[in-house]
């Protein structure tokens, strides 16, 4: 749907569509475990170390190796 067509839709439909997008965004952002948690450390162990960012490597060392 183009932006111009979206702007001509009824306000209640716009609110419903925006609410759905916000709900999906909030749901997806809650899926990642908190940095430093046991689940995060396990997830990082399973991830190839070549795919780690510098921040992930530093956080892994800080929270999972040197507890």
PDB file of N, CA and C in Angstrom:
ATOM      1  N   UNK A   1       0.849  -1.168   0.000  1.00  0.00           N
ATOM      2  CA  UNK A   1       0.000   0.000   0.000  1.00  0.00           C
ATOM      3  C   UNK A   1       0.896   1.233   0.000  1.00  0.00           C
ATOM      4  N   UNK A   2       0.643   2.132  -0.893  1.00  0.00           N
ATOM      5  CA  UNK A   2       1.459   3.339  -0.957  1.00  0.00           C
ATOM      6  C   UNK A   2       1.072   4.298   0.165  1.00  0.00           C
ATOM      7  N   UNK A   3       1.952   5.216   0.441  1.00  0.00           N
ATOM      8  CA  UNK A   3       1.712   6.176   1.517  1.00  0.00           C
ATOM      9  C   UNK A   3       0.485   7.032   1.231  1.00  0.00           C
ATOM     10  N   UNK A   4       0.309   7.449  -0.027  1.00  0.00           N
ATOM     11  CA  UNK A   4      -0.844   8.292  -0.368  1.00  0.00           C
ATOM     12  C   UNK A   4      -2.153   7.535  -0.182  1.00  0.00           C
ATOM     13  N   UNK A   5      -2.186   6.267  -0.549  1.00  0.00           N
ATOM     14  CA  UNK A   5      -3.390   5.469  -0.335  1.00  0.00           C
ATOM     15  C   UNK A   5      -3.631   5.276   1.152  1.00  0.00           C
ATOM     16  N   UNK A   6      -2.549   5.082   1.924  1.00  0.00           N
ATOM     17  CA  UNK A   6      -2.674   4.905   3.360  1.00  0.00           C
ATOM     18  C   UNK A   6      -3.288   6.145   4.008  1.00  0.00           C
ATOM     19  N   UNK A   7      -2.931   7.315   3.515  1.00  0.00           N
ATOM     20  CA  UNK A   7      -3.436   8.565   4.091  1.00  0.00           C
ATOM     21  C   UNK A   7      -4.921   8.770   3.800  1.00  0.00           C
ATOM     22  N   UNK A   8      -5.467   8.089   2.794  1.00  0.00           N
ATOM     23  CA  UNK A   8      -6.888   8.253   2.481  1.00  0.00           C
ATOM     24  C   UNK A   8      -7.758   7.226   3.197  1.00  0.00           C
ATOM     25  N   UNK A   9      -7.165   6.301   3.941  1.00  0.00           N
ATOM     26  CA  UNK A   9      -7.908   5.286   4.675  1.00  0.00           C
ATOM     27  C   UNK A   9      -8.531   5.928   5.908  1.00  0.00           C
ATOM     28  N   UNK A  10      -9.646   5.364   6.377  1.00  0.00           N
ATOM     29  CA  UNK A  10     -10.329   5.885   7.564  1.00  0.00           C
ATOM     30  C   UNK A  10      -9.383   5.928   8.757  1.00  0.00           C
ATOM     31  N   UNK A  11      -9.548   6.919   9.618  1.00  0.00           N
ATOM     32  CA  UNK A  11      -8.660   7.046  10.789  1.00  0.00           C
ATOM     33  C   UNK A  11      -8.650   5.802  11.678  1.00  0.00           C
ATOM     34  N   UNK A  12      -9.791   5.150  11.855  1.00  0.00           N
ATOM     35  CA  UNK A  12      -9.822   3.966  12.715  1.00  0.00           C
ATOM     36  C   UNK A  12      -8.988   2.836  12.124  1.00  0.00           C
ATOM     37  N   UNK A  13      -8.976   2.715  10.801  1.00  0.00           N
ATOM     38  CA  UNK A  13      -8.157   1.690  10.160  1.00  0.00           C
ATOM     39  C   UNK A  13      -6.677   2.037  10.290  1.00  0.00           C
ATOM     40  N   UNK A  14      -6.342   3.330  10.219  1.00  0.00           N
ATOM     41  CA  UNK A  14      -4.950   3.753  10.385  1.00  0.00           C
ATOM     42  C   UNK A  14      -4.457   3.400  11.782  1.00  0.00           C
ATOM     43  N   UNK A  15      -5.288   3.680  12.783  1.00  0.00           N
ATOM     44  CA  UNK A  15      -4.893   3.389  14.159  1.00  0.00           C
ATOM     45  C   UNK A  15      -4.709   1.892  14.358  1.00  0.00           C
ATOM     46  N   UNK A  16      -5.588   1.107  13.768  1.00  0.00           N
ATOM     47  CA  UNK A  16      -5.469  -0.342  13.880  1.00  0.00           C
ATOM     48  C   UNK A  16      -4.188  -0.848  13.240  1.00  0.00           C
ATOM     49  N   UNK A  17      -3.860  -0.329  12.069  1.00  0.00           N
ATOM     50  CA  UNK A  17      -2.647  -0.745  11.367  1.00  0.00           C
ATOM     51  C   UNK A  17      -1.405  -0.318  12.148  1.00  0.00           C
ATOM     52  N   UNK A  18      -1.408   0.904  12.661  1.00  0.00           N
ATOM     53  CA  UNK A  18      -0.256   1.374  13.435  1.00  0.00           C
ATOM     54  C   UNK A  18      -0.124   0.585  14.739  1.00  0.00           C
ATOM     55  N   UNK A  19      -1.239   0.251  15.357  1.00  0.00           N
ATOM     56  CA  UNK A  19      -1.209  -0.543  16.584  1.00  0.00           C
ATOM     57  C   UNK A  19      -0.634  -1.931  16.342  1.00  0.00           C
ATOM     58  N   UNK A  20      -1.010  -2.521  15.218  1.00  0.00           N
ATOM     59  CA  UNK A  20      -0.487  -3.835  14.867  1.00  0.00           C
ATOM     60  C   UNK A  20       1.020  -3.787  14.653  1.00  0.00           C
ATOM     61  N   UNK A  21       1.491  -2.777  13.957  1.00  0.00           N
ATOM     62  CA  UNK A  21       2.926  -2.623  13.714  1.00  0.00           C
ATOM     63  C   UNK A  21       3.671  -2.432  15.040  1.00  0.00           C
ATOM     64  N   UNK A  22       3.135  -1.620  15.933  1.00  0.00           N
ATOM     65  CA  UNK A  22       3.778  -1.398  17.228  1.00  0.00           C
ATOM     66  C   UNK A  22       3.800  -2.676  18.062  1.00  0.00           C
ATOM     67  N   UNK A  23       2.716  -3.432  18.039  1.00  0.00           N
ATOM     68  CA  UNK A  23       2.657  -4.676  18.802  1.00  0.00           C
ATOM     69  C   UNK A  23       3.665  -5.692  18.275  1.00  0.00           C
ATOM     70  N   UNK A  24       3.769  -5.812  16.963  1.00  0.00           N
ATOM     71  CA  UNK A  24       4.737  -6.739  16.385  1.00  0.00           C
ATOM     72  C   UNK A  24       6.167  -6.321  16.703  1.00  0.00           C
ATOM     73  N   UNK A  25       6.436  -5.029  16.643  1.00  0.00           N
ATOM     74  CA  UNK A  25       7.770  -4.526  16.953  1.00  0.00           C
ATOM     75  C   UNK A  25       8.122  -4.805  18.411  1.00  0.00           C
ATOM     76  N   UNK A  26       7.184  -4.556  19.301  1.00  0.00           N
ATOM     77  CA  UNK A  26       7.438  -4.797  20.723  1.00  0.00           C
ATOM     78  C   UNK A  26       7.635  -6.279  20.992  1.00  0.00           C
ATOM     79  N   UNK A  27       6.875  -7.111  20.314  1.00  0.00           N
ATOM     80  CA  UNK A  27       7.006  -8.547  20.496  1.00  0.00           C
ATOM     81  C   UNK A  27       8.340  -9.078  20.022  1.00  0.00           C
ATOM     82  N   UNK A  28       8.817  -8.583  18.917  1.00  0.00           N
ATOM     83  CA  UNK A  28      10.089  -9.051  18.387  1.00  0.00           C
ATOM     84  C   UNK A  28      11.274  -8.551  19.188  1.00  0.00           C
ATOM     85  N   UNK A  29      11.171  -7.374  19.743  1.00  0.00           N
ATOM     86  CA  UNK A  29      12.294  -6.830  20.497  1.00  0.00           C
ATOM     87  C   UNK A  29      12.465  -7.522  21.840  1.00  0.00           C
ATOM     88  N   UNK A  30      11.441  -8.195  22.320  1.00  0.00           N
ATOM     89  CA  UNK A  30      11.512  -8.866  23.607  1.00  0.00           C
ATOM     90  C   UNK A  30      12.104 -10.269  23.492  1.00  0.00           C
ATOM     91  N   UNK A  31      12.456 -10.718  22.313  1.00  0.00           N
ATOM     92  CA  UNK A  31      12.929 -12.086  22.107  1.00  0.00           C
ATOM     93  C   UNK A  31      14.393 -12.288  22.488  1.00  0.00           C
ATOM     94  N   UNK A  32      15.188 -11.281  22.423  1.00  0.00           N
ATOM     95  CA  UNK A  32      16.618 -11.425  22.703  1.00  0.00           C
ATOM     96  C   UNK A  32      16.849 -11.450  24.215  1.00  0.00           C
ATOM     97  N   UNK A  33      17.653 -12.423  24.691  1.00  0.00           N
ATOM     98  CA  UNK A  33      17.943 -12.455  26.129  1.00  0.00           C
ATOM     99  C   UNK A  33      18.813 -11.278  26.543  1.00  0.00           C
ATOM    100  N   UNK A  34      18.745 -10.940  27.806  1.00  0.00           N
ATOM    101  CA  UNK A  34      19.511  -9.804  28.331  1.00  0.00           C
ATOM    102  C   UNK A  34      21.004 -10.137  28.324  1.00  0.00           C
ATOM    103  N   UNK A  35      21.807  -9.179  27.935  1.00  0.00           N
ATOM    104  CA  UNK A  35      23.257  -9.369  27.885  1.00  0.00           C
ATOM    105  C   UNK A  35      23.761  -9.735  29.276  1.00  0.00           C
ATOM    106  N   UNK A  36      24.529 -10.804  29.342  1.00  0.00           N
ATOM    107  CA  UNK A  36      25.092 -11.249  30.607  1.00  0.00           C
ATOM    108  C   UNK A  36      24.296 -12.344  31.289  1.00  0.00           C
ATOM    109  N   UNK A  37      23.068 -12.586  30.831  1.00  0.00           N
ATOM    110  CA  UNK A  37      22.261 -13.644  31.439  1.00  0.00           C
ATOM    111  C   UNK A  37      22.789 -15.008  31.001  1.00  0.00           C
ATOM    112  N   UNK A  38      22.396 -16.061  31.725  1.00  0.00           N
ATOM    113  CA  UNK A  38      22.831 -17.412  31.361  1.00  0.00           C
ATOM    114  C   UNK A  38      22.366 -17.776  29.958  1.00  0.00           C
ATOM    115  N   UNK A  39      21.142 -17.359  29.601  1.00  0.00           N
ATOM    116  CA  UNK A  39      20.616 -17.645  28.259  1.00  0.00           C
ATOM    117  C   UNK A  39      21.447 -16.941  27.194  1.00  0.00           C
ATOM    118  N   UNK A  40      21.871 -15.723  27.474  1.00  0.00           N
ATOM    119  CA  UNK A  40      22.692 -14.980  26.514  1.00  0.00           C
ATOM    120  C   UNK A  40      24.057 -15.639  26.354  1.00  0.00           C
ATOM    121  N   UNK A  41      24.662 -16.053  27.468  1.00  0.00           N
ATOM    122  CA  UNK A  41      25.968 -16.719  27.398  1.00  0.00           C
ATOM    123  C   UNK A  41      25.862 -18.011  26.585  1.00  0.00           C
ATOM    124  N   UNK A  42      24.795 -18.773  26.798  1.00  0.00           N
ATOM    125  CA  UNK A  42      24.590 -20.002  26.046  1.00  0.00           C
ATOM    126  C   UNK A  42      24.415 -19.697  24.557  1.00  0.00           C
ATOM    127  N   UNK A  43      23.635 -18.665  24.252  1.00  0.00           N
ATOM    128  CA  UNK A  43      23.410 -18.269  22.858  1.00  0.00           C
ATOM    129  C   UNK A  43      24.724 -17.869  22.197  1.00  0.00           C
ATOM    130  N   UNK A  44      25.570 -17.151  22.922  1.00  0.00           N
ATOM    131  CA  UNK A  44      26.846 -16.717  22.362  1.00  0.00           C
ATOM    132  C   UNK A  44      27.796 -17.900  22.160  1.00  0.00           C
ATOM    133  N   UNK A  45      27.752 -18.907  23.059  1.00  0.00           N
ATOM    134  CA  UNK A  45      28.591 -20.098  22.888  1.00  0.00           C
ATOM    135  C   UNK A  45      28.230 -20.822  21.600  1.00  0.00           C
ATOM    136  N   UNK A  46      26.942 -20.837  21.256  1.00  0.00           N
ATOM    137  CA  UNK A  46      26.466 -21.540  20.063  1.00  0.00           C
ATOM    138  C   UNK A  46      26.728 -20.746  18.785  1.00  0.00           C
ATOM    139  N   UNK A  47      26.886 -19.430  18.894  1.00  0.00           N
ATOM    140  CA  UNK A  47      27.140 -18.570  17.734  1.00  0.00           C
ATOM    141  C   UNK A  47      28.613 -18.662  17.351  1.00  0.00           C
ATOM    142  N   UNK A  48      28.933 -18.846  16.067  1.00  0.00           N
ATOM    143  CA  UNK A  48      30.351 -18.896  15.660  1.00  0.00           C
ATOM    144  C   UNK A  48      31.088 -17.623  16.093  1.00  0.00           C
ATOM    145  N   UNK A  49      32.263 -17.781  16.691  1.00  0.00           N
ATOM    146  CA  UNK A  49      32.979 -16.620  17.229  1.00  0.00           C
ATOM    147  C   UNK A  49      33.395 -15.641  16.135  1.00  0.00           C
ATOM    148  N   UNK A  50      33.476 -16.087  14.902  1.00  0.00           N
ATOM    149  CA  UNK A  50      33.791 -15.182  13.801  1.00  0.00           C
ATOM    150  C   UNK A  50      32.661 -14.216  13.494  1.00  0.00           C
ATOM    151  N   UNK A  51      31.449 -14.533  13.966  1.00  0.00           N
ATOM    152  CA  UNK A  51      30.288 -13.673  13.740  1.00  0.00           C
ATOM    153  C   UNK A  51      30.048 -12.701  14.889  1.00  0.00           C
ATOM    154  N   UNK A  52      30.845 -12.773  15.950  1.00  0.00           N
ATOM    155  CA  UNK A  52      30.680 -11.886  17.087  1.00  0.00           C
ATOM    156  C   UNK A  52      31.169 -10.483  16.733  1.00  0.00           C
ATOM    157  N   UNK A  53      30.495  -9.482  17.277  1.00  0.00           N
ATOM    158  CA  UNK A  53      30.988  -8.110  17.160  1.00  0.00           C
ATOM    159  C   UNK A  53      32.013  -7.886  18.281  1.00  0.00           C
ATOM    160  N   UNK A  54      32.735  -6.800  18.205  1.00  0.00           N
ATOM    161  CA  UNK A  54      33.704  -6.482  19.261  1.00  0.00           C
ATOM    162  C   UNK A  54      32.995  -6.280  20.600  1.00  0.00           C
ATOM    163  N   UNK A  55      31.840  -5.646  20.582  1.00  0.00           N
ATOM    164  CA  UNK A  55      31.081  -5.429  21.822  1.00  0.00           C
ATOM    165  C   UNK A  55      30.590  -6.751  22.400  1.00  0.00           C
ATOM    166  N   UNK A  56      30.128  -7.662  21.532  1.00  0.00           N
ATOM    167  CA  UNK A  56      29.671  -8.964  22.020  1.00  0.00           C
ATOM    168  C   UNK A  56      30.822  -9.736  22.648  1.00  0.00           C
ATOM    169  N   UNK A  57      31.993  -9.695  22.030  1.00  0.00           N
ATOM    170  CA  UNK A  57      33.157 -10.397  22.580  1.00  0.00           C
ATOM    171  C   UNK A  57      33.546  -9.823  23.941  1.00  0.00           C
ATOM    172  N   UNK A  58      33.537  -8.519  24.057  1.00  0.00           N
ATOM    173  CA  UNK A  58      33.878  -7.880  25.336  1.00  0.00           C
ATOM    174  C   UNK A  58      32.842  -8.223  26.401  1.00  0.00           C
ATOM    175  N   UNK A  59      31.561  -8.179  26.038  1.00  0.00           N
ATOM    176  CA  UNK A  59      30.496  -8.519  26.989  1.00  0.00           C
ATOM    177  C   UNK A  59      30.571  -9.987  27.396  1.00  0.00           C
ATOM    178  N   UNK A  60      30.889 -10.859  26.427  1.00  0.00           N
ATOM    179  CA  UNK A  60      31.012 -12.281  26.735  1.00  0.00           C
ATOM    180  C   UNK A  60      32.141 -12.508  27.741  1.00  0.00           C
ATOM    181  N   UNK A  61      33.270 -11.883  27.500  1.00  0.00           N
ATOM    182  CA  UNK A  61      34.397 -12.025  28.424  1.00  0.00           C
ATOM    183  C   UNK A  61      34.038 -11.492  29.802  1.00  0.00           C
ATOM    184  N   UNK A  62      33.383 -10.365  29.839  1.00  0.00           N
ATOM    185  CA  UNK A  62      33.042  -9.720  31.113  1.00  0.00           C
ATOM    186  C   UNK A  62      32.008 -10.520  31.904  1.00  0.00           C
ATOM    187  N   UNK A  63      30.959 -10.985  31.219  1.00  0.00           N
ATOM    188  CA  UNK A  63      29.826 -11.601  31.925  1.00  0.00           C
ATOM    189  C   UNK A  63      29.859 -13.126  31.974  1.00  0.00           C
ATOM    190  N   UNK A  64      30.540 -13.758  31.023  1.00  0.00           N
ATOM    191  CA  UNK A  64      30.477 -15.218  30.967  1.00  0.00           C
ATOM    192  C   UNK A  64      31.788 -15.885  31.361  1.00  0.00           C
ATOM    193  N   UNK A  65      32.917 -15.229  31.133  1.00  0.00           N
ATOM    194  CA  UNK A  65      34.204 -15.838  31.437  1.00  0.00           C
ATOM    195  C   UNK A  65      34.694 -15.373  32.813  1.00  0.00           C
ATOM    196  N   UNK A  66      34.710 -14.074  33.040  1.00  0.00           N
ATOM    197  CA  UNK A  66      35.227 -13.503  34.283  1.00  0.00           C
ATOM    198  C   UNK A  66      34.118 -13.113  35.247  1.00  0.00           C
ATOM    199  N   UNK A  67      33.227 -14.025  35.536  1.00  0.00           N
ATOM    200  CA  UNK A  67      32.098 -13.720  36.439  1.00  0.00           C
ATOM    201  C   UNK A  67      32.567 -13.381  37.811  1.00  0.00           C
TER     202      UNK A  67
END
